[in-house]
Amino acid sequence: MNGTGVLVGYDGSPDAERARDWALDEAARSGQPVHLAYVFEWLTMAGWTGPGGGPSIWPDDSARRQAAELVRQAAQEATGPDLAVTGELYEGPPAPVLQELSARASLLVLGTRGLGGFAGLLVGSTAASVAAHAHCPVVVVRGDADRRTRAGHVAVGVDGSQSSLLALGFAVEQAAARRVPLHVLRGWRPPPGQRPPSGPDSREVTRADRAELDESLSQWRQAFPDVTISVEVAEGSPAELLVSASRNAQLVVVGTRGRGGLAGMLLGSVSQQLLHHAHCPVAVVRERR
């Protein structure tokens, strides 16, 4: 993969096809090239479960050729007059390979699960590792297959942390490119062991959080005056607020870790819950070009 572009983890599975379609839509808006990466590990005892049907023992040159042809055909079918799509087969553990490739991409797109090297992508450590270590934003295509074409807003969770501010910038640009509103959410809870404030105290917390959000948004309102931005501050779980917002969203955006994260955790509980439960594609933003 050369230069910047949209990188797709692709293995021919239905979820990988949805990820490819989402990436093609994104590339059509941004004018970027798309690169399909089929990643697999050479195994000595396990059976092959990828294209070509029945199991065989690795290493198997015929299975490798089938995989290479699969990704080549997928790239060829997607290429159009205004869209450049390439595909390549890579060998090695999927997470480290995708992380390395992400250093040359502006965006990495994955399906929820796939065949072969991508099996169990969201339920195991692979998705957490990719989202936590990738050198570009990672989009996991969850929810209904046609959600990418529906009307709806972009939602983003912002708690004032550096990670969430990176997510905010990504979300504003996505809303502008899609010509849809941006909904900024912030959920708050009292520290452990303390009772939640009520009455005037609760309203004061909400006002303070909203004022902080408005300050963070001022530069983006000036840079993107055509984007309608709404703000919601509420007591409650940030993850639950974002999952709820994802029901009517095209995309929900979150940073890797927020203020409530534990030191040393690379992927926070909010982003992990969204990867498992969101009703639309999820963008996890750790680094940006």
Protein backbone atom coordinates (compact mmCIF):
# COMPACT_ATOMS: atom_id res chain seq x y z
CA MET A 1 0.00 0.00 0.00
CA ASN A 2 1.46 3.35 -1.05
CA GLY A 3 0.49 6.78 0.25
CA THR A 4 -2.70 7.76 2.05
CA GLY A 5 -6.08 6.23 1.36
CA VAL A 6 -8.86 4.11 2.82
CA LEU A 7 -7.61 0.72 4.00
CA VAL A 8 -10.11 -2.15 4.27
CA GLY A 9 -9.64 -5.44 6.11
CA TYR A 10 -11.15 -7.77 3.52
CA ASP A 11 -11.59 -11.55 3.31
CA GLY A 12 -14.69 -12.05 1.17
CA SER A 13 -17.07 -12.63 4.09
CA PRO A 14 -20.46 -10.83 4.14
CA ASP A 15 -19.28 -8.44 6.85
CA ALA A 16 -16.12 -7.70 4.87
CA GLU A 17 -18.29 -6.91 1.84
CA ARG A 18 -20.23 -4.42 3.96
CA ALA A 19 -16.96 -2.88 5.12
CA ARG A 20 -15.78 -2.61 1.52
CA ASP A 21 -19.06 -0.95 0.45
CA TRP A 22 -18.83 1.53 3.33
CA ALA A 23 -15.25 2.34 2.39
CA LEU A 24 -16.22 2.85 -1.26
CA ASP A 25 -18.88 5.36 -0.21
CA GLU A 26 -16.33 7.16 1.93
CA ALA A 27 -13.80 7.22 -0.89
CA ALA A 28 -16.38 8.58 -3.32
CA ARG A 29 -16.88 11.56 -0.97
CA SER A 30 -13.22 12.15 -0.24
CA GLY A 31 -11.67 11.22 -3.58
CA GLN A 32 -9.20 8.87 -1.88
CA PRO A 33 -8.06 5.49 -3.22
CA VAL A 34 -9.18 2.27 -1.52
CA HIS A 35 -6.87 -0.62 -0.68
CA LEU A 36 -8.27 -4.06 0.22
CA ALA A 37 -5.95 -6.04 2.51
CA TYR A 38 -6.49 -9.77 2.93
CA VAL A 39 -4.41 -10.88 5.92
CA PHE A 40 -3.83 -14.47 6.99
CA GLU A 41 -1.44 -16.47 9.12
CA TRP A 42 0.32 -19.60 7.92
CA LEU A 43 -0.82 -22.37 10.23
CA THR A 44 0.57 -25.89 10.49
CA MET A 45 -2.33 -27.83 11.94
CA ALA A 46 -5.52 -25.79 11.54
CA GLY A 47 -7.84 -26.21 8.59
CA TRP A 48 -8.43 -23.53 5.97
CA THR A 49 -11.90 -21.97 6.21
CA GLY A 50 -11.56 -19.22 3.61
CA PRO A 51 -12.52 -19.17 -0.08
CA GLY A 52 -12.48 -22.40 -1.97
CA GLY A 53 -14.74 -24.51 0.19
CA GLY A 54 -13.51 -27.52 2.17
CA PRO A 55 -10.69 -27.48 4.69
CA SER A 56 -7.07 -28.10 3.78
CA ILE A 57 -3.85 -27.99 5.76
CA TRP A 58 -1.61 -24.94 5.66
CA PRO A 59 0.64 -24.22 3.91
CA ASP A 60 -1.41 -24.78 0.76
CA ASP A 61 -0.41 -22.93 -2.40
CA SER A 62 -3.79 -23.47 -4.05
CA ALA A 63 -5.63 -21.89 -1.12
CA ARG A 64 -3.21 -18.98 -1.19
CA ARG A 65 -3.82 -18.47 -4.91
CA GLN A 66 -7.58 -18.56 -4.33
CA ALA A 67 -7.31 -15.90 -1.65
CA ALA A 68 -5.13 -13.72 -3.87
CA GLU A 69 -7.63 -14.08 -6.73
CA LEU A 70 -10.51 -13.28 -4.40
CA VAL A 71 -9.06 -9.96 -3.30
CA ARG A 72 -7.96 -9.13 -6.86
CA GLN A 73 -11.45 -9.67 -8.22
CA ALA A 74 -13.04 -7.69 -5.38
CA ALA A 75 -10.77 -4.75 -6.19
CA GLN A 76 -11.40 -5.03 -9.92
CA GLU A 77 -15.18 -5.12 -9.48
CA ALA A 78 -15.12 -2.01 -7.28
CA THR A 79 -12.84 0.10 -9.47
CA GLY A 80 -14.63 2.81 -11.44
CA PRO A 81 -13.88 5.88 -13.56
CA ASP A 82 -13.49 8.10 -10.48
CA LEU A 83 -12.44 5.47 -7.95
CA ALA A 84 -9.12 3.64 -7.68
CA VAL A 85 -9.26 0.33 -5.82
CA THR A 86 -6.36 -2.07 -5.27
CA GLY A 87 -6.11 -5.36 -3.39
CA GLU A 88 -3.27 -7.38 -1.95
CA LEU A 89 -2.66 -10.52 0.08
CA TYR A 90 -0.58 -10.18 3.26
CA GLU A 91 0.88 -12.86 5.52
CA GLY A 92 1.12 -12.61 9.28
CA PRO A 93 -1.04 -12.03 12.38
CA PRO A 94 -3.96 -9.83 11.26
CA ALA A 95 -3.80 -7.21 14.02
CA PRO A 96 -0.07 -6.34 13.75
CA VAL A 97 -0.20 -6.38 9.94
CA LEU A 98 -3.21 -4.06 9.82
CA GLN A 99 -1.64 -1.79 12.43
CA GLU A 100 1.51 -1.50 10.32
CA LEU A 101 -0.48 -0.83 7.14
CA SER A 102 -2.54 1.83 8.95
CA ALA A 103 0.56 4.03 9.20
CA ARG A 104 0.13 4.72 5.48
CA ALA A 105 -3.67 5.11 5.53
CA SER A 106 -6.05 7.92 6.44
CA LEU A 107 -8.75 5.48 7.57
CA LEU A 108 -8.99 1.75 8.36
CA VAL A 109 -12.36 0.03 7.83
CA LEU A 110 -13.29 -3.39 9.24
CA GLY A 111 -16.38 -5.59 9.34
CA THR A 112 -17.72 -7.04 12.55
CA ARG A 113 -16.41 -10.53 11.86
CA GLY A 114 -15.09 -12.55 8.94
CA LEU A 115 -13.46 -15.76 7.79
CA GLY A 116 -9.98 -17.04 8.46
CA GLY A 117 -7.76 -14.41 10.04
CA PHE A 118 -10.66 -12.11 10.94
CA ALA A 119 -12.79 -14.66 12.81
CA GLY A 120 -14.10 -13.31 16.09
CA LEU A 121 -12.85 -9.83 15.26
CA LEU A 122 -15.05 -7.99 17.75
CA VAL A 123 -15.33 -10.55 20.53
CA GLY A 124 -11.62 -11.19 21.02
CA SER A 125 -8.49 -9.10 21.40
CA THR A 126 -7.94 -8.36 17.70
CA ALA A 127 -10.43 -5.49 17.38
CA ALA A 128 -9.31 -3.91 20.63
CA SER A 129 -5.69 -4.16 19.54
CA VAL A 130 -6.32 -2.65 16.10
CA ALA A 131 -8.47 0.19 17.45
CA ALA A 132 -6.03 0.90 20.26
CA HIS A 133 -2.84 0.86 18.20
CA ALA A 134 -3.79 1.90 14.66
CA HIS A 135 -2.12 5.02 13.30
CA CYS A 136 -5.37 6.33 11.81
CA PRO A 137 -9.07 6.30 12.75
CA VAL A 138 -10.67 2.84 12.67
CA VAL A 139 -14.26 2.35 11.49
CA VAL A 140 -16.03 -0.89 12.38
CA VAL A 141 -19.11 -1.34 10.19
CA ARG A 142 -21.86 -2.44 12.55
CA GLY A 143 -25.64 -2.25 12.32
CA ASP A 144 -27.90 -2.56 9.30
CA ALA A 145 -26.15 -3.15 6.00
CA ASP A 146 -27.81 -0.16 4.31
CA ARG A 147 -27.24 2.27 7.19
CA ARG A 148 -24.49 4.01 5.22
CA THR A 149 -27.09 5.33 2.74
CA ARG A 150 -29.74 6.43 5.25
CA ALA A 151 -30.48 9.95 6.38
CA GLY A 152 -29.29 10.60 9.88
CA HIS A 153 -26.80 12.52 11.94
CA VAL A 154 -23.23 11.92 13.02
CA ALA A 155 -22.95 11.43 16.79
CA VAL A 156 -19.79 11.96 18.84
CA GLY A 157 -18.96 11.54 22.51
CA VAL A 158 -16.86 14.36 23.99
CA ASP A 159 -15.67 14.51 27.61
CA GLY A 160 -12.85 17.04 27.23
CA SER A 161 -10.05 14.49 27.04
CA GLN A 162 -7.49 14.80 24.25
CA SER A 163 -8.75 11.58 22.70
CA SER A 164 -12.33 12.86 22.57
CA LEU A 165 -11.23 16.18 21.05
CA LEU A 166 -9.54 14.25 18.23
CA ALA A 167 -12.81 12.35 17.80
CA LEU A 168 -14.72 15.65 17.70
CA GLY A 169 -12.60 16.98 14.85
CA PHE A 170 -13.09 13.77 12.88
CA ALA A 171 -16.85 13.83 13.53
CA VAL A 172 -17.26 17.46 12.40
CA GLU A 173 -15.47 16.72 9.14
CA GLN A 174 -17.59 13.61 8.59
CA ALA A 175 -20.81 15.58 9.19
CA ALA A 176 -19.67 18.28 6.76
CA ALA A 177 -18.75 15.74 4.06
CA ARG A 178 -22.08 13.92 4.49
CA ARG A 179 -24.06 17.19 4.77
CA VAL A 180 -25.84 16.02 7.91
CA PRO A 181 -26.16 17.46 11.44
CA LEU A 182 -23.66 16.71 14.18
CA HIS A 183 -24.92 15.67 17.62
CA VAL A 184 -22.39 16.10 20.43
CA LEU A 185 -23.05 14.12 23.60
CA ARG A 186 -21.59 14.17 27.07
CA GLY A 187 -22.68 11.95 29.92
CA TRP A 188 -21.57 12.48 33.48
CA ARG A 189 -21.64 10.58 36.72
CA PRO A 190 -20.47 11.47 40.24
CA PRO A 191 -17.19 10.00 41.45
CA PRO A 192 -17.42 6.52 43.02
CA GLY A 193 -18.80 6.64 46.53
CA GLN A 194 -20.54 9.98 46.07
CA ARG A 195 -24.25 10.51 45.68
CA PRO A 196 -25.33 12.22 42.48
CA PRO A 197 -26.14 15.93 42.87
CA SER A 198 -29.75 16.98 42.58
CA GLY A 199 -31.71 20.16 42.04
CA PRO A 200 -29.53 23.28 41.60
CA ASP A 201 -26.29 21.31 42.01
CA SER A 202 -27.22 18.96 39.16
CA ARG A 203 -28.13 21.88 36.91
CA GLU A 204 -24.81 23.55 37.73
CA VAL A 205 -22.86 20.47 36.67
CA THR A 206 -24.81 20.37 33.41
CA ARG A 207 -24.21 24.09 32.78
CA ALA A 208 -20.47 23.74 33.45
CA ASP A 209 -20.16 20.75 31.10
CA ARG A 210 -22.14 22.52 28.39
CA ALA A 211 -19.95 25.63 28.70
CA GLU A 212 -16.84 23.46 28.29
CA LEU A 213 -18.34 21.79 25.23
CA ASP A 214 -19.30 25.13 23.69
CA GLU A 215 -15.71 26.30 24.09
CA SER A 216 -14.41 23.16 22.36
CA LEU A 217 -16.94 23.62 19.56
CA SER A 218 -16.30 27.31 18.87
CA GLN A 219 -13.46 26.71 16.42
CA TRP A 220 -15.41 24.02 14.59
CA ARG A 221 -18.53 26.20 14.28
CA GLN A 222 -16.36 28.85 12.65
CA ALA A 223 -14.58 26.38 10.35
CA PHE A 224 -17.80 24.59 9.30
CA PRO A 225 -20.63 27.14 9.54
CA ASP A 226 -22.93 25.01 7.37
CA VAL A 227 -22.90 22.09 9.85
CA THR A 228 -25.79 22.16 12.30
CA ILE A 229 -24.37 21.22 15.71
CA SER A 230 -26.54 20.21 18.66
CA VAL A 231 -25.28 19.50 22.18
CA GLU A 232 -26.67 17.10 24.77
CA VAL A 233 -25.37 16.90 28.34
CA ALA A 234 -27.05 14.42 30.65
CA GLU A 235 -26.42 12.47 33.83
CA GLY A 236 -25.87 8.84 32.99
CA SER A 237 -23.60 6.37 31.28
CA PRO A 238 -21.77 7.88 28.27
CA ALA A 239 -21.83 4.49 26.57
CA GLU A 240 -25.59 4.13 26.98
CA LEU A 241 -26.15 7.65 25.62
CA LEU A 242 -24.02 6.94 22.56
CA VAL A 243 -25.55 3.52 21.92
CA SER A 244 -28.99 5.12 22.05
CA ALA A 245 -27.89 7.92 19.70
CA SER A 246 -26.52 5.35 17.26
CA ARG A 247 -30.04 4.06 16.53
CA ASN A 248 -30.73 7.06 14.29
CA ALA A 249 -27.17 7.90 13.26
CA GLN A 250 -25.12 7.24 10.15
CA LEU A 251 -21.95 7.10 12.22
CA VAL A 252 -21.00 7.33 15.89
CA VAL A 253 -17.52 8.58 16.77
CA VAL A 254 -15.54 8.10 19.97
CA GLY A 255 -11.96 8.39 21.18
CA THR A 256 -9.98 5.44 22.46
CA ARG A 257 -10.00 6.56 26.10
CA GLY A 258 -11.72 9.31 28.03
CA ARG A 259 -11.26 10.97 31.38
CA GLY A 260 -12.81 8.02 33.16
CA GLY A 261 -10.36 5.51 31.70
CA LEU A 262 -7.90 3.63 33.84
CA ALA A 263 -4.23 4.42 33.39
CA GLY A 264 -2.63 1.96 31.00
CA MET A 265 -5.89 1.03 29.27
CA LEU A 266 -5.54 1.65 25.55
CA LEU A 267 -9.20 1.14 24.71
CA GLY A 268 -11.74 2.47 27.18
CA SER A 269 -15.01 0.93 28.27
CA VAL A 270 -17.12 3.37 26.22
CA SER A 271 -15.41 2.55 22.93
CA GLN A 272 -15.48 -1.16 23.72
CA GLN A 273 -19.22 -1.08 24.46
CA LEU A 274 -19.90 0.78 21.24
CA LEU A 275 -17.92 -1.79 19.24
CA HIS A 276 -20.19 -4.46 20.67
CA HIS A 277 -23.58 -2.74 20.84
CA ALA A 278 -23.85 0.26 18.48
CA HIS A 279 -26.59 0.20 15.84
CA CYS A 280 -24.49 1.89 13.16
CA PRO A 281 -20.82 2.01 12.11
CA VAL A 282 -18.43 3.09 14.87
CA ALA A 283 -15.33 5.23 14.36
CA VAL A 284 -12.63 4.95 17.02
CA VAL A 285 -10.14 7.82 16.76
CA ARG A 286 -6.71 7.48 18.33
CA GLU A 287 -4.45 9.25 15.86
CA ARG A 288 -5.07 11.43 12.84
CA ARG A 289 -2.90 12.40 9.91
